[in-house]
Every structure is written in C-alpha cells, then in structure tokens.
Amino acid sequence: MIKWRKASRSTSEGGACVEVAKFHGAVAVRDSKDPDGPAFALPISAARTLLETVKRGEHDAP
C-alpha cells in the first residue's frame, strides 16, 4: 500500500493541493482533490532535480 501525504506547501483552503508518496525508488504526485485520478511518478533523482528547478523559478509562467 502506498502511503500518500499532503505536500507541506499545500493549503487546506481548497487551493492547489498535491499529495506525494515515495515507493520503489520513485516519488509519485497526485491531486489531493482527486485521489482516484491520475498520478505521475519520477525516479527520486529526477524528482529532486525538478524541485530544484522549480525553486529557482525556471518553470514560472512568463
């Protein structure tokens, strides 16, 4: 069984809420408002790289 947890930056006010889970050397992400919906998984190293680039603003909308 995968143990999902709400991301620490998600709010409880119905905004952008994501849940994350670590399993089999990967990190999975899903929309907490749709737990039976799609999720995506990345190898841990790719997830770490993605988070670093997001923190630097490399994926911000223009």
N, C-alpha and C. Protein backbone atom coordinates (compact mmCIF):
# COMPACT_ATOMS: atom_id res chain seq x y z
N MET A 1 0.84 -1.19 0.00
CA MET A 1 0.00 0.00 0.00
C MET A 1 0.88 1.25 0.00
N ILE A 2 0.54 2.19 -0.84
CA ILE A 2 1.29 3.44 -0.92
C ILE A 2 0.75 4.40 0.12
N LYS A 3 1.64 5.01 0.88
CA LYS A 3 1.24 5.99 1.89
C LYS A 3 1.40 7.40 1.31
N TRP A 4 0.29 8.04 1.02
CA TRP A 4 0.30 9.39 0.47
C TRP A 4 0.32 10.39 1.61
N ARG A 5 0.98 11.52 1.38
CA ARG A 5 0.95 12.61 2.36
C ARG A 5 0.80 13.92 1.61
N LYS A 6 0.12 14.85 2.25
CA LYS A 6 -0.10 16.15 1.63
C LYS A 6 1.21 16.93 1.63
N ALA A 7 1.51 17.55 0.52
CA ALA A 7 2.74 18.34 0.41
C ALA A 7 2.70 19.49 1.42
N SER A 8 3.83 19.78 2.01
CA SER A 8 3.88 20.79 3.08
C SER A 8 3.49 22.19 2.61
N ARG A 9 3.62 22.46 1.33
CA ARG A 9 3.26 23.78 0.81
C ARG A 9 1.79 23.88 0.37
N SER A 10 1.06 22.78 0.43
CA SER A 10 -0.36 22.80 0.08
C SER A 10 -1.14 23.45 1.21
N THR A 11 -2.24 24.08 0.85
CA THR A 11 -3.08 24.72 1.86
C THR A 11 -4.33 23.89 2.09
N SER A 12 -5.01 24.17 3.17
CA SER A 12 -6.26 23.48 3.46
C SER A 12 -7.46 24.30 2.98
N GLU A 13 -7.22 25.33 2.21
CA GLU A 13 -8.27 26.23 1.78
C GLU A 13 -8.81 25.90 0.39
N GLY A 14 -8.58 24.69 -0.08
CA GLY A 14 -9.12 24.26 -1.36
C GLY A 14 -8.34 24.73 -2.57
N GLY A 15 -7.16 25.23 -2.36
CA GLY A 15 -6.34 25.70 -3.48
C GLY A 15 -5.59 24.56 -4.13
N ALA A 16 -4.40 24.85 -4.57
CA ALA A 16 -3.55 23.86 -5.25
C ALA A 16 -3.01 22.89 -4.21
N CYS A 17 -3.60 21.71 -4.15
CA CYS A 17 -3.20 20.71 -3.17
C CYS A 17 -2.65 19.49 -3.88
N VAL A 18 -1.47 19.11 -3.50
CA VAL A 18 -0.89 17.88 -4.06
C VAL A 18 -0.51 16.95 -2.93
N GLU A 19 -0.49 15.67 -3.24
CA GLU A 19 -0.03 14.66 -2.32
C GLU A 19 1.16 13.96 -2.96
N VAL A 20 2.08 13.54 -2.13
CA VAL A 20 3.27 12.85 -2.62
C VAL A 20 3.42 11.52 -1.88
N ALA A 21 4.06 10.59 -2.54
CA ALA A 21 4.34 9.29 -1.93
C ALA A 21 5.67 8.78 -2.49
N LYS A 22 6.43 8.15 -1.64
CA LYS A 22 7.70 7.56 -2.06
C LYS A 22 7.52 6.05 -2.09
N PHE A 23 7.92 5.44 -3.21
CA PHE A 23 7.83 3.99 -3.31
C PHE A 23 8.76 3.47 -4.38
N HIS A 24 9.34 2.33 -4.14
CA HIS A 24 10.19 1.63 -5.11
C HIS A 24 11.18 2.55 -5.83
N GLY A 25 11.85 3.44 -5.09
CA GLY A 25 12.85 4.31 -5.69
C GLY A 25 12.28 5.44 -6.52
N ALA A 26 11.00 5.75 -6.33
CA ALA A 26 10.37 6.83 -7.10
C ALA A 26 9.55 7.71 -6.17
N VAL A 27 9.17 8.86 -6.69
CA VAL A 27 8.28 9.78 -6.00
C VAL A 27 7.05 9.94 -6.89
N ALA A 28 5.88 9.72 -6.30
CA ALA A 28 4.63 9.87 -7.04
C ALA A 28 3.93 11.13 -6.56
N VAL A 29 3.20 11.77 -7.46
CA VAL A 29 2.47 13.00 -7.16
C VAL A 29 1.06 12.87 -7.72
N ARG A 30 0.07 13.35 -6.94
CA ARG A 30 -1.32 13.35 -7.41
C ARG A 30 -2.06 14.54 -6.82
N ASP A 31 -3.20 14.85 -7.41
CA ASP A 31 -4.08 15.92 -6.94
C ASP A 31 -4.86 15.40 -5.75
N SER A 32 -4.74 16.04 -4.60
CA SER A 32 -5.41 15.54 -3.40
C SER A 32 -6.93 15.61 -3.52
N LYS A 33 -7.43 16.46 -4.40
CA LYS A 33 -8.88 16.56 -4.59
C LYS A 33 -9.41 15.44 -5.47
N ASP A 34 -8.53 14.66 -6.09
CA ASP A 34 -8.92 13.57 -6.98
C ASP A 34 -8.04 12.35 -6.69
N PRO A 35 -8.16 11.76 -5.49
CA PRO A 35 -7.26 10.68 -5.12
C PRO A 35 -7.37 9.43 -5.98
N ASP A 36 -8.48 9.25 -6.67
CA ASP A 36 -8.62 8.10 -7.56
C ASP A 36 -8.25 8.43 -9.00
N GLY A 37 -7.87 9.67 -9.22
CA GLY A 37 -7.50 10.11 -10.55
C GLY A 37 -6.06 9.77 -10.87
N PRO A 38 -5.53 10.37 -11.93
CA PRO A 38 -4.17 10.06 -12.35
C PRO A 38 -3.11 10.56 -11.38
N ALA A 39 -1.99 9.89 -11.41
CA ALA A 39 -0.80 10.30 -10.65
C ALA A 39 0.38 10.11 -11.59
N PHE A 40 1.47 10.79 -11.30
CA PHE A 40 2.67 10.53 -12.08
C PHE A 40 3.82 10.24 -11.13
N ALA A 41 4.77 9.48 -11.62
CA ALA A 41 5.91 9.09 -10.80
C ALA A 41 7.20 9.43 -11.53
N LEU A 42 8.18 9.83 -10.75
CA LEU A 42 9.51 10.14 -11.26
C LEU A 42 10.55 9.41 -10.42
N PRO A 43 11.65 9.00 -11.01
CA PRO A 43 12.74 8.50 -10.19
C PRO A 43 13.14 9.58 -9.17
N ILE A 44 13.59 9.19 -8.01
CA ILE A 44 13.91 10.15 -6.96
C ILE A 44 14.88 11.21 -7.45
N SER A 45 15.89 10.83 -8.21
CA SER A 45 16.86 11.83 -8.69
C SER A 45 16.21 12.84 -9.61
N ALA A 46 15.28 12.40 -10.46
CA ALA A 46 14.58 13.33 -11.36
C ALA A 46 13.63 14.23 -10.58
N ALA A 47 12.98 13.69 -9.56
CA ALA A 47 12.09 14.50 -8.72
C ALA A 47 12.89 15.58 -8.00
N ARG A 48 14.06 15.21 -7.52
CA ARG A 48 14.92 16.18 -6.82
C ARG A 48 15.34 17.31 -7.77
N THR A 49 15.73 16.95 -8.98
CA THR A 49 16.12 17.94 -9.98
C THR A 49 14.95 18.85 -10.33
N LEU A 50 13.76 18.27 -10.51
CA LEU A 50 12.57 19.07 -10.81
C LEU A 50 12.29 20.07 -9.69
N LEU A 51 12.34 19.62 -8.45
CA LEU A 51 12.08 20.53 -7.33
C LEU A 51 13.11 21.66 -7.27
N GLU A 52 14.36 21.34 -7.52
CA GLU A 52 15.40 22.38 -7.50
C GLU A 52 15.14 23.43 -8.57
N THR A 53 14.74 23.02 -9.77
CA THR A 53 14.49 23.98 -10.85
C THR A 53 13.23 24.78 -10.58
N VAL A 54 12.22 24.16 -9.98
CA VAL A 54 11.00 24.90 -9.61
C VAL A 54 11.34 25.97 -8.57
N LYS A 55 12.12 25.61 -7.56
CA LYS A 55 12.52 26.57 -6.52
C LYS A 55 13.29 27.75 -7.11
N ARG A 56 14.06 27.51 -8.17
CA ARG A 56 14.81 28.59 -8.81
C ARG A 56 13.94 29.42 -9.76
N GLY A 57 12.68 29.01 -9.96
CA GLY A 57 11.78 29.76 -10.81
C GLY A 57 11.89 29.44 -12.29
N GLU A 58 12.57 28.36 -12.62
CA GLU A 58 12.80 28.03 -14.03
C GLU A 58 11.53 27.60 -14.77
N HIS A 59 10.47 27.31 -14.04
CA HIS A 59 9.24 26.87 -14.68
C HIS A 59 8.09 27.87 -14.47
N ASP A 60 8.41 29.05 -14.00
CA ASP A 60 7.38 30.07 -13.79
C ASP A 60 6.79 30.52 -15.12
N ALA A 61 5.51 30.81 -15.07
CA ALA A 61 4.84 31.33 -16.29
C ALA A 61 5.39 32.72 -16.60
N PRO A 62 5.49 33.04 -17.90
CA PRO A 62 6.01 34.37 -18.28
C PRO A 62 5.03 35.47 -17.91
